[in-house]
């Protein structure tokens, strides 16, 4: 048997009104990532419970991890309850847990993200859909597409007919010499 605890197996629905932010979390999320988090919860559901400490005396849950999921649930989606898993640790250990959770999330490698964008392009996703579904702006999608070469970057781009109109207007009737 492992000596690892699995508090996630005891997740329970807690009223959002009983959950409170901690006073020490240094993590921030920019607006586009908050929009993506909201989309993620709307599309995939609440897949990760909040991690909280339960203050039994005041019957409130103090966030250790999941502040931004909590904000989306409370302010954007008006959910009455959210899944919470509870860990019972002293204050200093809760601070360390918050930082570990924040820092352990990792980053996305450029090459792998470029491959993902190319795969979605190959599956006929528009730049707009890629941007929306992956939380990117169109410029970022374009940069990922450029990494794999100009042909694929512009494979589903609809070009204007401006050159044809220019030729008709200024070169009509002239023959090449």
Protein backbone atom coordinates (compact mmCIF):
# COMPACT_ATOMS: atom_id res chain seq x y z
CA UNK A 1 0.00 0.00 0.00
CA UNK A 2 1.20 3.50 -0.84
CA UNK A 3 1.71 6.22 1.76
CA UNK A 4 0.23 8.79 -0.65
CA UNK A 5 -3.14 10.26 0.36
CA UNK A 6 -5.94 10.68 -2.18
CA UNK A 7 -8.12 13.51 -0.86
CA UNK A 8 -9.53 13.93 -4.38
CA UNK A 9 -11.55 10.75 -3.79
CA UNK A 10 -13.44 12.55 -1.04
CA UNK A 11 -14.42 15.60 -3.11
CA UNK A 12 -17.77 17.08 -2.14
CA UNK A 13 -20.00 19.88 -3.36
CA UNK A 14 -19.64 22.97 -1.21
CA UNK A 15 -21.72 26.16 -1.51
CA UNK A 16 -19.65 28.87 -3.19
CA UNK A 17 -20.68 31.26 -0.41
CA UNK A 18 -18.65 29.20 2.10
CA UNK A 19 -15.43 29.43 0.06
CA UNK A 20 -12.93 32.24 0.65
CA UNK A 21 -9.69 33.23 -1.05
CA UNK A 22 -6.50 32.98 0.93
CA UNK A 23 -4.49 36.14 1.60
CA UNK A 24 -1.15 35.00 0.21
CA UNK A 25 -1.53 33.57 -3.31
CA UNK A 26 0.89 35.39 -5.66
CA UNK A 27 -0.57 33.81 -8.82
CA UNK A 28 -2.40 35.97 -11.34
CA UNK A 29 -4.07 35.09 -14.62
CA UNK A 30 -4.52 37.47 -17.54
CA UNK A 31 -7.97 38.13 -18.98
CA UNK A 32 -7.52 35.90 -22.08
CA UNK A 33 -6.59 32.94 -19.86
CA UNK A 34 -9.59 33.63 -17.62
CA UNK A 35 -11.79 33.57 -20.73
CA UNK A 36 -10.18 30.26 -21.71
CA UNK A 37 -10.74 28.86 -18.22
CA UNK A 38 -14.40 29.82 -18.45
CA UNK A 39 -14.66 28.16 -21.86
CA UNK A 40 -12.92 25.07 -20.47
CA UNK A 41 -15.43 24.78 -17.63
CA UNK A 42 -18.37 25.40 -19.96
CA UNK A 43 -17.13 22.86 -22.54
CA UNK A 44 -15.59 20.19 -20.31
CA UNK A 45 -17.31 20.73 -16.98
CA UNK A 46 -15.66 21.20 -13.61
CA UNK A 47 -12.92 18.58 -14.01
CA UNK A 48 -10.72 19.58 -11.07
CA UNK A 49 -12.01 20.25 -7.58
CA UNK A 50 -10.86 23.25 -5.62
CA UNK A 51 -8.38 22.43 -2.88
CA UNK A 52 -9.33 23.99 0.45
CA UNK A 53 -8.67 23.99 4.15
CA UNK A 54 -11.85 23.69 6.21
CA UNK A 55 -11.98 26.14 9.12
CA UNK A 56 -14.43 24.21 11.26
CA UNK A 57 -14.89 26.98 13.84
CA UNK A 58 -16.15 29.44 11.23
CA UNK A 59 -17.46 26.75 8.85
CA UNK A 60 -15.67 28.26 5.88
CA UNK A 61 -13.37 26.80 3.26
CA UNK A 62 -10.14 28.67 2.58
CA UNK A 63 -8.67 28.15 -0.87
CA UNK A 64 -5.30 26.51 -1.26
CA UNK A 65 -5.57 25.87 -5.01
CA UNK A 66 -8.17 26.77 -7.60
CA UNK A 67 -8.72 30.48 -6.99
CA UNK A 68 -9.31 31.23 -10.67
CA UNK A 69 -11.70 28.28 -11.08
CA UNK A 70 -13.51 29.64 -8.01
CA UNK A 71 -13.73 33.16 -9.53
CA UNK A 72 -15.10 31.78 -12.80
CA UNK A 73 -17.61 29.58 -10.96
CA UNK A 74 -18.77 32.39 -8.67
CA UNK A 75 -18.59 35.53 -10.81
CA UNK A 76 -19.01 34.34 -14.37
CA UNK A 77 -21.11 31.19 -14.12
CA UNK A 78 -22.99 31.90 -10.87
CA UNK A 79 -22.68 28.28 -9.78
CA UNK A 80 -24.28 27.66 -6.39
CA UNK A 81 -21.80 24.91 -5.43
CA UNK A 82 -18.46 23.58 -6.64
CA UNK A 83 -16.47 20.41 -5.97
CA UNK A 84 -13.94 20.77 -3.17
CA UNK A 85 -11.33 18.47 -1.78
CA UNK A 86 -10.08 19.25 1.72
CA UNK A 87 -6.56 19.00 3.06
CA UNK A 88 -5.92 19.64 6.73
CA UNK A 89 -2.53 21.30 7.15
CA UNK A 90 -1.08 24.09 9.29
CA UNK A 91 -1.05 27.57 7.76
CA UNK A 92 2.63 27.50 6.65
CA UNK A 93 2.13 24.14 4.93
CA UNK A 94 -0.93 25.49 3.12
CA UNK A 95 1.18 28.36 1.76
CA UNK A 96 3.74 25.85 0.48
CA UNK A 97 0.94 23.76 -1.07
CA UNK A 98 -0.42 26.79 -2.91
CA UNK A 99 2.97 27.62 -4.38
CA UNK A 100 3.65 23.99 -5.37
CA UNK A 101 0.29 23.76 -7.12
CA UNK A 102 0.94 27.02 -8.98
CA UNK A 103 4.48 26.19 -10.07
CA UNK A 104 3.88 22.54 -10.99
CA UNK A 105 1.50 23.34 -13.84
CA UNK A 106 4.25 23.58 -16.46
CA UNK A 107 4.38 25.44 -19.76
CA UNK A 108 3.57 24.61 -23.37
CA UNK A 109 6.51 23.95 -25.65
CA UNK A 110 6.53 25.97 -28.86
CA UNK A 111 7.26 23.03 -31.16
CA UNK A 112 4.50 20.84 -29.74
CA UNK A 113 1.99 23.70 -29.78
CA UNK A 114 2.94 24.35 -33.41
CA UNK A 115 2.28 20.68 -34.21
CA UNK A 116 -1.11 20.89 -32.52
CA UNK A 117 -2.04 24.00 -34.53
CA UNK A 118 -0.95 22.24 -37.73
CA UNK A 119 -3.03 19.20 -36.86
CA UNK A 120 -6.10 21.38 -36.32
CA UNK A 121 -5.44 23.19 -39.63
CA UNK A 122 -5.19 19.79 -41.33
CA UNK A 123 -8.59 18.97 -39.82
CA UNK A 124 -9.95 22.13 -41.46
CA UNK A 125 -10.29 24.24 -38.34
CA UNK A 126 -10.36 27.95 -39.15
CA UNK A 127 -7.88 30.32 -37.58
CA UNK A 128 -10.78 31.85 -35.65
CA UNK A 129 -11.81 28.48 -34.23
CA UNK A 130 -8.24 27.57 -33.28
CA UNK A 131 -7.82 30.92 -31.55
CA UNK A 132 -11.10 30.55 -29.64
CA UNK A 133 -10.72 26.92 -28.63
CA UNK A 134 -7.05 27.21 -27.58
CA UNK A 135 -7.27 30.66 -26.02
CA UNK A 136 -4.98 32.35 -28.53
CA UNK A 137 -5.25 35.54 -30.49
CA UNK A 138 -5.10 35.35 -34.29
CA UNK A 139 -1.52 36.64 -34.36
CA UNK A 140 -0.40 33.77 -32.15
CA UNK A 141 -2.15 31.24 -34.39
CA UNK A 142 -0.45 32.83 -37.40
CA UNK A 143 2.98 32.60 -35.74
CA UNK A 144 2.49 28.91 -34.99
CA UNK A 145 1.40 28.32 -38.55
CA UNK A 146 4.47 30.17 -39.88
CA UNK A 147 6.78 27.86 -37.97
CA UNK A 148 5.80 25.00 -40.25
CA UNK A 149 6.24 26.91 -43.49
CA UNK A 150 4.34 29.39 -45.58
CA UNK A 151 2.42 26.83 -47.62
CA UNK A 152 0.65 25.42 -44.57
CA UNK A 153 0.35 28.87 -42.98
CA UNK A 154 -1.80 30.05 -45.86
CA UNK A 155 -3.43 26.77 -46.93
CA UNK A 156 -6.91 27.76 -45.77
CA UNK A 157 -6.54 31.52 -46.25
CA UNK A 158 -8.90 33.21 -48.68
CA UNK A 159 -7.01 35.85 -50.60
CA UNK A 160 -8.63 38.97 -51.98
CA UNK A 161 -9.11 39.41 -55.70
CA UNK A 162 -7.50 42.86 -55.66
CA UNK A 163 -4.77 42.02 -58.20
CA UNK A 164 -7.32 40.68 -60.67
CA UNK A 165 -9.39 43.85 -60.28
CA UNK A 166 -6.25 45.97 -60.73
CA UNK A 167 -5.38 44.13 -63.95
CA UNK A 168 -8.89 44.53 -65.30
CA UNK A 169 -8.92 48.22 -64.54
CA UNK A 170 -5.45 49.21 -65.76
CA UNK A 171 -4.37 46.54 -68.20
CA UNK A 172 -7.57 45.64 -70.02
CA UNK A 173 -6.97 45.11 -73.65
CA UNK A 174 -3.17 45.36 -73.40
CA UNK A 175 -1.25 42.39 -74.64
CA UNK A 176 1.99 41.16 -73.15
CA UNK A 177 5.06 41.83 -75.26
